[in-house]
N, C-alpha and C. Protein backbone atom coordinates (compact mmCIF):
# COMPACT_ATOMS: atom_id res chain seq x y z
N MET A 1 12.80 23.40 -37.55
CA MET A 1 11.31 24.98 -36.51
C MET A 1 11.32 23.72 -35.08
N LYS A 2 11.44 24.65 -34.63
CA LYS A 2 11.44 23.44 -32.75
C LYS A 2 9.79 23.47 -32.71
N SER A 3 9.45 23.12 -32.09
CA SER A 3 8.09 22.69 -31.90
C SER A 3 8.47 23.57 -29.97
N ILE A 4 6.80 23.39 -29.84
CA ILE A 4 6.57 24.42 -27.99
C ILE A 4 7.15 23.14 -27.44
N TYR A 5 7.05 22.53 -27.14
CA TYR A 5 7.81 21.10 -26.10
C TYR A 5 9.44 21.46 -26.42
N GLU A 6 9.74 21.69 -27.37
CA GLU A 6 11.49 21.52 -27.47
C GLU A 6 11.78 23.12 -27.11
N GLU A 7 11.06 24.48 -27.51
CA GLU A 7 11.59 25.12 -26.99
C GLU A 7 11.20 25.40 -25.51
N ALA A 8 10.76 24.88 -24.63
CA ALA A 8 10.53 24.48 -23.06
C ALA A 8 11.57 24.01 -22.61
N GLY A 9 12.82 23.24 -23.24
CA GLY A 9 13.84 22.35 -23.81
C GLY A 9 13.05 20.71 -23.41
N GLY A 10 11.81 20.82 -23.93
CA GLY A 10 11.70 19.32 -23.52
C GLY A 10 12.76 18.47 -24.92
N THR A 11 12.86 16.97 -24.75
CA THR A 11 13.89 16.33 -25.94
C THR A 11 12.41 14.87 -26.19
N TYR A 12 13.24 15.07 -27.59
CA TYR A 12 12.26 13.83 -27.75
C TYR A 12 13.23 12.59 -28.03
N THR A 13 12.48 10.62 -27.98
CA THR A 13 13.28 9.61 -28.77
C THR A 13 12.52 9.15 -28.94
N TRP A 14 13.29 8.55 -30.37
CA TRP A 14 12.97 7.60 -31.61
C TRP A 14 12.05 6.20 -30.91
N GLN A 15 10.96 5.69 -30.91
CA GLN A 15 10.32 4.62 -30.56
C GLN A 15 10.00 4.02 -31.98
N GLY A 16 10.63 3.05 -32.64
CA GLY A 16 10.48 2.50 -34.29
C GLY A 16 10.14 3.86 -35.05
N ASP A 17 8.87 4.04 -35.73
CA ASP A 17 8.69 5.09 -36.72
C ASP A 17 8.11 6.18 -36.09
N TYR A 18 8.37 6.27 -34.64
CA TYR A 18 7.62 7.77 -33.45
C TYR A 18 8.21 8.34 -33.04
N GLU A 19 7.95 9.49 -32.92
CA GLU A 19 9.08 10.33 -31.55
C GLU A 19 7.85 10.94 -30.44
N LEU A 20 8.70 10.21 -29.67
CA LEU A 20 7.91 9.87 -28.39
C LEU A 20 8.50 11.48 -27.86
N PRO A 21 7.71 12.14 -26.86
CA PRO A 21 8.22 12.87 -26.23
C PRO A 21 8.74 12.37 -24.64
N ASN A 22 10.49 12.77 -23.91
CA ASN A 22 11.42 12.01 -22.96
C ASN A 22 10.50 13.26 -21.67
N LEU A 23 9.03 12.44 -21.19
CA LEU A 23 8.37 12.79 -19.87
C LEU A 23 8.73 12.74 -18.68
N ILE A 24 9.16 13.49 -17.65
CA ILE A 24 9.96 13.72 -16.11
C ILE A 24 9.12 13.45 -15.72
N ILE A 25 7.97 12.54 -14.53
CA ILE A 25 7.51 12.39 -13.30
C ILE A 25 8.30 13.65 -12.58
N PRO A 26 7.50 14.71 -11.79
CA PRO A 26 8.51 15.27 -10.89
C PRO A 26 8.62 14.85 -9.60
N PRO A 27 9.72 14.07 -9.11
CA PRO A 27 9.64 13.11 -7.61
C PRO A 27 9.18 14.42 -6.75
N GLU A 28 8.25 12.85 -6.08
CA GLU A 28 7.35 13.73 -4.44
C GLU A 28 7.59 13.60 -3.62
N LYS A 29 7.53 14.28 -2.63
CA LYS A 29 7.90 13.82 -1.25
C LYS A 29 7.15 12.55 -0.52
N GLU A 30 8.09 11.81 -0.14
CA GLU A 30 7.77 10.21 0.67
C GLU A 30 6.83 11.02 1.83
N ILE A 31 5.17 10.50 1.61
CA ILE A 31 4.59 10.76 2.80
C ILE A 31 3.70 9.40 3.33
N GLU A 32 3.84 9.25 4.49
CA GLU A 32 2.98 8.37 4.69
C GLU A 32 1.58 8.51 4.71
N ILE A 33 0.68 7.69 3.98
CA ILE A 33 -0.27 7.86 3.53
C ILE A 33 -1.09 6.52 4.63
N GLY A 34 -1.98 6.54 5.41
CA GLY A 34 -2.44 6.06 6.36
C GLY A 34 -3.93 6.00 5.60
N VAL A 35 -4.68 4.98 5.84
CA VAL A 35 -6.20 4.18 6.05
C VAL A 35 -7.07 5.08 5.30
N TRP A 36 -7.40 6.23 5.37
CA TRP A 36 -8.42 7.00 4.65
C TRP A 36 -7.87 7.62 3.54
N GLY A 37 -6.37 8.08 3.54
CA GLY A 37 -6.13 8.18 2.05
C GLY A 37 -5.92 7.33 1.18
N GLN A 38 -5.77 5.90 1.84
CA GLN A 38 -5.56 4.80 0.91
C GLN A 38 -6.77 4.37 0.16
N ARG A 39 -7.71 4.52 1.06
CA ARG A 39 -9.31 4.24 0.59
C ARG A 39 -9.22 5.31 -0.81
N HIS A 40 -8.79 7.02 -0.54
CA HIS A 40 -9.64 7.78 -1.28
C HIS A 40 -8.87 7.40 -2.77
N ARG A 41 -7.11 6.89 -2.73
CA ARG A 41 -6.77 6.75 -3.65
C ARG A 41 -7.26 5.70 -4.37
N ARG A 42 -7.62 4.94 -3.46
CA ARG A 42 -8.53 3.60 -4.65
C ARG A 42 -9.64 4.40 -5.04
N TYR A 43 -10.64 4.71 -4.41
CA TYR A 43 -11.55 5.84 -5.42
C TYR A 43 -11.21 6.45 -6.10
N LEU A 44 -10.40 7.07 -6.12
CA LEU A 44 -10.03 8.41 -6.87
C LEU A 44 -9.39 7.03 -8.81
N LYS A 45 -8.73 6.08 -8.17
CA LYS A 45 -8.00 5.49 -9.53
C LYS A 45 -9.52 4.72 -9.65
N GLN A 46 -10.15 4.36 -9.19
CA GLN A 46 -11.35 3.90 -9.84
C GLN A 46 -12.23 4.42 -10.26
N TYR A 47 -13.23 5.49 -9.83
CA TYR A 47 -14.07 6.10 -10.02
C TYR A 47 -13.84 7.55 -10.75
N HIS A 48 -12.38 7.89 -10.34
CA HIS A 48 -12.11 9.54 -11.18
C HIS A 48 -10.65 9.44 -12.13
N LYS A 49 -10.82 9.03 -12.68
CA LYS A 49 -9.00 8.61 -13.36
C LYS A 49 -8.39 9.73 -13.83
N ILE A 50 -9.06 10.56 -13.81
CA ILE A 50 -8.95 11.58 -14.82
C ILE A 50 -8.16 12.75 -14.03
N ARG A 51 -8.87 12.87 -12.83
CA ARG A 51 -8.33 13.31 -11.38
C ARG A 51 -7.53 12.78 -10.94
N TYR A 52 -7.72 11.53 -10.85
CA TYR A 52 -6.22 10.71 -10.14
C TYR A 52 -4.73 11.03 -10.69
N TYR A 53 -5.07 10.56 -12.53
CA TYR A 53 -3.57 11.14 -12.77
C TYR A 53 -3.03 12.26 -13.11
N ASN A 54 -3.97 13.29 -12.84
CA ASN A 54 -3.49 14.89 -13.15
C ASN A 54 -2.69 14.79 -12.07
N LEU A 55 -3.23 14.52 -10.50
CA LEU A 55 -3.06 14.51 -9.50
C LEU A 55 -1.02 14.25 -9.72
N LEU A 56 -1.02 12.54 -10.29
CA LEU A 56 -0.33 11.66 -9.69
C LEU A 56 0.59 12.68 -11.31
N THR A 57 0.59 12.60 -12.58
CA THR A 57 1.32 13.40 -12.95
C THR A 57 1.90 14.91 -12.91
N ALA A 58 1.00 15.72 -12.02
CA ALA A 58 1.52 16.86 -11.81
C ALA A 58 2.51 16.75 -10.56
N GLY A 59 2.47 15.37 -9.78
CA GLY A 59 3.63 15.45 -8.48
C GLY A 59 2.87 16.04 -7.50
N THR A 60 1.37 15.89 -7.03
CA THR A 60 0.45 15.98 -6.24
C THR A 60 -0.01 15.47 -5.10
N LEU A 61 0.12 14.13 -5.51
CA LEU A 61 -1.29 12.99 -5.35
C LEU A 61 -0.87 12.99 -4.03
N ASN A 62 0.64 12.67 -3.87
CA ASN A 62 1.23 12.32 -2.05
C ASN A 62 0.11 13.26 -1.33
N GLY A 63 0.54 14.48 -1.67
CA GLY A 63 0.24 16.21 -0.78
C GLY A 63 -1.56 16.48 -0.61
N HIS A 64 -2.11 15.49 -1.80
CA HIS A 64 -3.51 15.68 -1.60
C HIS A 64 -3.78 14.31 -0.76
N LEU A 65 -3.89 13.29 -0.89
CA LEU A 65 -3.76 12.31 0.35
C LEU A 65 -3.94 11.81 1.68
N ALA A 66 -2.25 13.02 1.84
CA ALA A 66 -1.97 13.06 3.13
C ALA A 66 -2.67 14.25 3.74
N GLU A 67 -3.83 15.67 2.66
CA GLU A 67 -3.93 16.68 3.59
C GLU A 67 -5.56 15.70 3.78
N ILE A 68 -6.21 14.78 2.77
CA ILE A 68 -7.66 13.91 3.02
C ILE A 68 -7.37 13.45 3.77
N GLU A 69 -6.13 12.41 4.48
CA GLU A 69 -6.15 11.41 5.81
C GLU A 69 -5.89 12.79 6.82
N GLN A 70 -5.04 13.70 6.69
CA GLN A 70 -5.65 14.47 8.13
C GLN A 70 -7.10 14.96 8.50
N GLN A 71 -7.64 15.69 7.58
CA GLN A 71 -9.05 16.06 7.88
C GLN A 71 -9.86 15.20 8.06
N ALA A 72 -9.85 13.42 7.77
CA ALA A 72 -10.64 12.64 7.99
C ALA A 72 -10.28 12.29 9.36
N GLU A 73 -9.07 12.18 9.31
CA GLU A 73 -8.28 11.70 11.18
C GLU A 73 -9.04 12.18 12.22
N ARG A 74 -9.05 14.17 11.34
CA ARG A 74 -9.49 15.05 12.51
C ARG A 74 -11.44 14.94 12.25
N MET A 75 -11.57 15.38 11.36
CA MET A 75 -13.71 14.48 11.53
C MET A 75 -13.81 13.35 11.69
N PHE A 76 -12.94 12.11 12.14
CA PHE A 76 -13.33 10.96 12.41
C PHE A 76 -12.90 10.81 14.39
N GLN A 77 -11.93 11.71 14.57
CA GLN A 77 -11.86 11.91 16.05
C GLN A 77 -13.06 12.25 16.84
N SER A 78 -13.07 13.79 16.18
CA SER A 78 -14.06 14.81 16.87
C SER A 78 -15.85 14.05 16.79
N LEU A 79 -16.06 12.92 15.50
CA LEU A 79 -17.17 12.88 15.58
C LEU A 79 -17.50 11.46 16.99
N VAL A 80 -16.50 11.14 16.92
CA VAL A 80 -16.28 9.54 18.14
C VAL A 80 -16.90 10.96 19.32
N SER A 81 -15.97 11.24 19.48
CA SER A 81 -15.89 12.74 20.65
C SER A 81 -17.12 12.96 21.34
N ALA A 82 -17.86 13.62 20.28
CA ALA A 82 -19.12 14.45 19.90
C ALA A 82 -20.54 12.84 20.58
N LEU A 83 -20.42 11.86 19.77
CA LEU A 83 -20.89 10.56 19.51
C LEU A 83 -21.30 10.24 20.95
N SER A 84 -20.02 10.13 21.58
CA SER A 84 -19.61 9.43 23.06
C SER A 84 -20.71 9.98 23.94
N ASN A 85 -20.13 11.57 24.06
CA ASN A 85 -20.58 12.27 25.01
C ASN A 85 -22.49 12.41 25.05
N GLN A 86 -22.95 12.44 23.62
CA GLN A 86 -24.32 12.21 23.18
C GLN A 86 -24.40 11.50 24.27
N GLU A 87 -24.22 10.21 23.49
CA GLU A 87 -24.80 9.00 23.84
C GLU A 87 -24.11 8.26 25.52
N ASN A 88 -23.89 9.55 26.17
CA ASN A 88 -23.31 9.23 27.67
C ASN A 88 -22.58 7.91 28.21
N VAL A 89 -21.83 7.61 26.98
CA VAL A 89 -20.47 6.99 26.95
C VAL A 89 -19.12 6.47 28.05
N THR A 90 -19.06 6.75 28.98
CA THR A 90 -18.18 7.00 29.92
C THR A 90 -17.62 6.23 30.44
N GLU A 91 -16.45 6.46 30.83
CA GLU A 91 -14.89 5.71 31.53
C GLU A 91 -15.83 5.15 33.26
N LYS A 92 -17.41 5.57 33.69
CA LYS A 92 -17.72 4.63 34.23
C LYS A 92 -18.34 3.87 33.84
N LEU A 93 -19.28 3.66 32.81
CA LEU A 93 -19.83 2.78 32.07
C LEU A 93 -18.18 2.19 31.70
N LYS A 94 -17.47 2.08 31.48
CA LYS A 94 -16.21 1.41 31.01
C LYS A 94 -16.02 0.47 32.18
N ALA A 95 -16.12 1.14 33.11
CA ALA A 95 -15.54 0.74 34.38
C ALA A 95 -16.34 -0.81 34.90
N ASN A 96 -17.72 -0.05 34.56
CA ASN A 96 -18.87 -1.19 35.19
C ASN A 96 -19.32 -1.94 34.41
N HIS A 97 -19.71 -1.83 33.38
CA HIS A 97 -20.43 -2.53 32.47
C HIS A 97 -19.12 -2.58 30.94
N PRO A 98 -18.16 -3.04 30.51
CA PRO A 98 -16.83 -3.01 29.64
C PRO A 98 -17.93 -3.97 29.00
N MET A 99 -18.22 -5.19 28.97
CA MET A 99 -19.14 -5.19 27.27
C MET A 99 -20.21 -4.11 26.56
N GLU A 100 -20.70 -3.39 27.09
CA GLU A 100 -21.51 -2.92 26.94
C GLU A 100 -21.42 -1.51 26.22
N TRP A 101 -20.07 -0.87 27.04
CA TRP A 101 -19.05 -0.23 26.41
C TRP A 101 -18.29 -0.19 25.48
N VAL A 102 -18.46 -1.68 25.28
CA VAL A 102 -17.65 -2.27 23.51
C VAL A 102 -18.55 -1.94 22.70
N GLN A 103 -19.41 -2.43 22.98
CA GLN A 103 -20.53 -2.82 22.27
C GLN A 103 -21.02 -1.01 21.77
N LYS A 104 -21.75 0.00 22.27
CA LYS A 104 -21.89 0.76 22.23
C LYS A 104 -20.61 2.10 21.51
N MET A 105 -19.15 1.52 21.66
CA MET A 105 -17.65 2.34 20.91
C MET A 105 -17.54 1.82 19.49
N ASN A 106 -17.88 0.84 19.82
CA ASN A 106 -17.59 0.02 18.18
C ASN A 106 -19.29 0.11 17.60
N SER A 107 -20.73 0.85 17.77
CA SER A 107 -21.50 1.47 17.11
C SER A 107 -20.98 2.72 17.26
N ILE A 108 -20.37 3.65 17.27
CA ILE A 108 -19.90 5.32 17.35
C ILE A 108 -18.80 5.15 16.70
N ARG A 109 -18.07 3.88 17.02
CA ARG A 109 -16.98 4.36 15.85
C ARG A 109 -17.46 3.73 14.38
N ASN A 110 -18.63 2.84 14.15
CA ASN A 110 -19.10 2.84 12.65
C ASN A 110 -19.65 3.58 12.18
N ARG A 111 -20.03 4.34 12.83
CA ARG A 111 -21.39 5.33 12.32
C ARG A 111 -20.10 6.63 11.93
N ALA A 112 -19.22 6.39 12.68
CA ALA A 112 -18.19 8.05 12.82
C ALA A 112 -17.68 7.51 11.35
N THR A 113 -17.19 6.13 10.96
CA THR A 113 -16.24 5.98 10.07
C THR A 113 -17.62 5.82 8.98
N GLU A 114 -18.16 5.64 8.82
CA GLU A 114 -19.40 5.81 7.42
C GLU A 114 -19.69 7.41 7.32
N ILE A 115 -19.64 8.68 7.56
CA ILE A 115 -19.82 9.72 8.36
C ILE A 115 -18.80 9.57 7.09
N VAL A 116 -17.52 10.30 7.81
CA VAL A 116 -16.30 10.26 7.40
C VAL A 116 -16.33 9.78 5.66
N ASN A 117 -16.45 8.42 5.60
CA ASN A 117 -16.59 8.20 4.42
C ASN A 117 -17.18 8.89 3.24
N SER A 118 -18.50 8.90 3.71
CA SER A 118 -19.39 9.84 2.73
C SER A 118 -19.19 11.09 2.37
N GLU A 119 -18.70 11.98 3.29
CA GLU A 119 -18.52 13.01 3.64
C GLU A 119 -17.21 13.42 3.34
N LEU A 120 -16.10 12.82 2.74
CA LEU A 120 -14.22 13.36 2.94
C LEU A 120 -14.09 12.42 1.65
N ILE A 121 -14.48 11.16 1.80
CA ILE A 121 -13.31 9.75 1.29
C ILE A 121 -13.89 9.50 0.00
N TYR A 122 -15.48 9.79 -0.22
CA TYR A 122 -16.16 9.19 -1.12
C TYR A 122 -17.08 9.65 -2.25
N ILE A 123 -16.32 11.37 -2.42
CA ILE A 123 -16.65 12.12 -3.08
C ILE A 123 -16.36 13.00 -4.07
């Protein structure tokens, strides 16, 4: 009598006294994953192992990480733009007081990074 796995086209291999299924992970499309996607991957792997391995074995992990990467980058860019406009950090300030401009932009980028991390990456 065939098992459900064998009826679906699966095969087994003997390993000592055990018969193990020959599982093959479907190939994933190679996608470039940036810093946001890598952070999210580390977070999933450390704190949400079941979800991480479900995505990995389904062959959808890279697609999921690429989507998170795109969302995070768009959110980061819009936050930096909105905060710099709100705080009046302009090209004029950059030309007249470059060190002050650098300080303010670093502050804005750090705040935007924290917002993206808390709302999109580490959830």
